[in-house]
C-alpha atoms as a PDB file:
ATOM      1  CA  UNK A   1      10.750 -15.407 -11.071  1.00  0.00           C
ATOM      2  CA  UNK A   2      11.421 -11.742 -11.028  1.00  0.00           C
ATOM      3  CA  UNK A   3       8.578  -9.307 -10.825  1.00  0.00           C
ATOM      4  CA  UNK A   4       9.980  -6.507 -12.792  1.00  0.00           C
ATOM      5  CA  UNK A   5       8.021  -3.865 -10.801  1.00  0.00           C
ATOM      6  CA  UNK A   6       4.757  -5.888 -11.303  1.00  0.00           C
ATOM      7  CA  UNK A   7       2.285  -6.044  -8.465  1.00  0.00           C
ATOM      8  CA  UNK A   8       1.260  -9.528  -6.895  1.00  0.00           C
ATOM      9  CA  UNK A   9      -2.004  -9.034  -8.704  1.00  0.00           C
ATOM     10  CA  UNK A  10      -0.390  -8.622 -12.158  1.00  0.00           C
ATOM     11  CA  UNK A  11       1.693 -11.701 -11.568  1.00  0.00           C
ATOM     12  CA  UNK A  12      -1.287 -13.750 -10.354  1.00  0.00           C
ATOM     13  CA  UNK A  13      -3.212 -12.648 -13.447  1.00  0.00           C
ATOM     14  CA  UNK A  14      -0.297 -13.586 -15.866  1.00  0.00           C
ATOM     15  CA  UNK A  15       0.189 -16.991 -14.124  1.00  0.00           C
ATOM     16  CA  UNK A  16      -3.673 -17.660 -14.289  1.00  0.00           C
ATOM     17  CA  UNK A  17      -3.548 -16.747 -18.046  1.00  0.00           C
ATOM     18  CA  UNK A  18      -1.184 -19.631 -18.592  1.00  0.00           C
ATOM     19  CA  UNK A  19      -3.998 -22.104 -17.843  1.00  0.00           C
ATOM     20  CA  UNK A  20      -5.546 -21.236 -21.193  1.00  0.00           C
ATOM     21  CA  UNK A  21      -2.676 -22.382 -23.282  1.00  0.00           C
ATOM     22  CA  UNK A  22      -3.269 -25.941 -24.559  1.00  0.00           C
ATOM     23  CA  UNK A  23      -0.183 -28.164 -24.589  1.00  0.00           C
ATOM     24  CA  UNK A  24       1.801 -25.964 -22.210  1.00  0.00           C
ATOM     25  CA  UNK A  25       3.575 -27.931 -19.618  1.00  0.00           C
ATOM     26  CA  UNK A  26       5.360 -26.525 -16.539  1.00  0.00           C
ATOM     27  CA  UNK A  27       8.366 -28.671 -15.746  1.00  0.00           C
ATOM     28  CA  UNK A  28       8.708 -29.231 -12.074  1.00  0.00           C
ATOM     29  CA  UNK A  29      12.413 -29.098 -11.149  1.00  0.00           C
ATOM     30  CA  UNK A  30      13.455 -30.626  -7.841  1.00  0.00           C
ATOM     31  CA  UNK A  31      16.053 -29.629  -5.358  1.00  0.00           C
ATOM     32  CA  UNK A  32      18.722 -31.638  -6.900  1.00  0.00           C
ATOM     33  CA  UNK A  33      18.112 -29.931 -10.147  1.00  0.00           C
ATOM     34  CA  UNK A  34      18.267 -26.532  -8.461  1.00  0.00           C
ATOM     35  CA  UNK A  35      21.602 -27.411  -6.825  1.00  0.00           C
ATOM     36  CA  UNK A  36      22.928 -28.416 -10.371  1.00  0.00           C
ATOM     37  CA  UNK A  37      21.692 -25.120 -11.766  1.00  0.00           C
ATOM     38  CA  UNK A  38      24.083 -23.386  -9.401  1.00  0.00           C
ATOM     39  CA  UNK A  39      26.852 -25.109 -11.317  1.00  0.00           C
ATOM     40  CA  UNK A  40      25.385 -23.846 -14.606  1.00  0.00           C
ATOM     41  CA  UNK A  41      25.478 -20.330 -12.950  1.00  0.00           C
ATOM     42  CA  UNK A  42      29.162 -20.816 -12.292  1.00  0.00           C
ATOM     43  CA  UNK A  43      30.030 -22.356 -15.676  1.00  0.00           C
ATOM     44  CA  UNK A  44      28.158 -19.937 -17.832  1.00  0.00           C
ATOM     45  CA  UNK A  45      27.719 -16.812 -15.795  1.00  0.00           C
ATOM     46  CA  UNK A  46      23.913 -17.116 -15.869  1.00  0.00           C
ATOM     47  CA  UNK A  47      21.587 -15.763 -13.209  1.00  0.00           C
ATOM     48  CA  UNK A  48      19.687 -18.426 -11.219  1.00  0.00           C
ATOM     49  CA  UNK A  49      16.362 -18.197 -13.313  1.00  0.00           C
ATOM     50  CA  UNK A  50      18.237 -18.591 -16.586  1.00  0.00           C
ATOM     51  CA  UNK A  51      20.346 -21.415 -15.074  1.00  0.00           C
ATOM     52  CA  UNK A  52      17.176 -23.237 -13.952  1.00  0.00           C
ATOM     53  CA  UNK A  53      15.858 -22.990 -17.516  1.00  0.00           C
ATOM     54  CA  UNK A  54      19.283 -24.476 -18.859  1.00  0.00           C
ATOM     55  CA  UNK A  55      19.148 -27.290 -16.254  1.00  0.00           C
ATOM     56  CA  UNK A  56      15.559 -28.120 -17.192  1.00  0.00           C
ATOM     57  CA  UNK A  57      16.659 -28.324 -20.910  1.00  0.00           C
ATOM     58  CA  UNK A  58      19.386 -30.688 -19.913  1.00  0.00           C
ATOM     59  CA  UNK A  59      17.057 -32.899 -17.897  1.00  0.00           C
ATOM     60  CA  UNK A  60      14.601 -32.949 -20.654  1.00  0.00           C
ATOM     61  CA  UNK A  61      17.189 -33.566 -23.384  1.00  0.00           C
ATOM     62  CA  UNK A  62      16.159 -30.500 -25.135  1.00  0.00           C
ATOM     63  CA  UNK A  63      18.846 -28.273 -26.904  1.00  0.00           C
ATOM     64  CA  UNK A  64      16.560 -25.413 -28.160  1.00  0.00           C
ATOM     65  CA  UNK A  65      15.037 -22.423 -26.273  1.00  0.00           C
ATOM     66  CA  UNK A  66      12.825 -19.634 -27.461  1.00  0.00           C
ATOM     67  CA  UNK A  67      13.791 -16.529 -25.687  1.00  0.00           C
ATOM     68  CA  UNK A  68      14.924 -12.873 -26.147  1.00  0.00           C
ATOM     69  CA  UNK A  69      17.553 -13.447 -23.402  1.00  0.00           C
ATOM     70  CA  UNK A  70      20.911 -13.554 -25.216  1.00  0.00           C
ATOM     71  CA  UNK A  71      22.680 -14.866 -22.100  1.00  0.00           C
ATOM     72  CA  UNK A  72      21.674 -18.286 -23.211  1.00  0.00           C
ATOM     73  CA  UNK A  73      24.108 -17.825 -26.150  1.00  0.00           C
ATOM     74  CA  UNK A  74      26.965 -18.483 -23.710  1.00  0.00           C
ATOM     75  CA  UNK A  75      25.733 -22.058 -23.465  1.00  0.00           C
ATOM     76  CA  UNK A  76      27.359 -23.779 -26.484  1.00  0.00           C
ATOM     77  CA  UNK A  77      24.809 -26.767 -26.639  1.00  0.00           C
ATOM     78  CA  UNK A  78      21.848 -24.466 -26.393  1.00  0.00           C
ATOM     79  CA  UNK A  79      20.370 -23.104 -29.620  1.00  0.00           C
ATOM     80  CA  UNK A  80      18.397 -19.965 -28.928  1.00  0.00           C
ATOM     81  CA  UNK A  81      15.616 -18.680 -31.199  1.00  0.00           C
ATOM     82  CA  UNK A  82      13.554 -15.427 -30.769  1.00  0.00           C
ATOM     83  CA  UNK A  83       9.808 -15.703 -31.247  1.00  0.00           C
ATOM     84  CA  UNK A  84      10.222 -13.906 -34.574  1.00  0.00           C
ATOM     85  CA  UNK A  85      12.656 -16.534 -35.834  1.00  0.00           C
ATOM     86  CA  UNK A  86       9.697 -18.966 -35.727  1.00  0.00           C
ATOM     87  CA  UNK A  87       7.109 -16.945 -37.568  1.00  0.00           C
END
């Protein structure tokens, strides 16, 4: 997780706010999945965070992601939607 210039306090507040979302699940990706994510980095030119997301999609048999990050468009089996697409 990149901090984009945010302080530890801002990041802690954001993460704590996620507890309020009903139905939100955080998928725990293990060491093997993280290693496989490095292959996703190689194959699609993604950074590690994005490659982890793609690896999680693969492990969960999900082919859709909601993101502004257009780097996911390089992964042919992933369909990306922006939040506005779903309104």
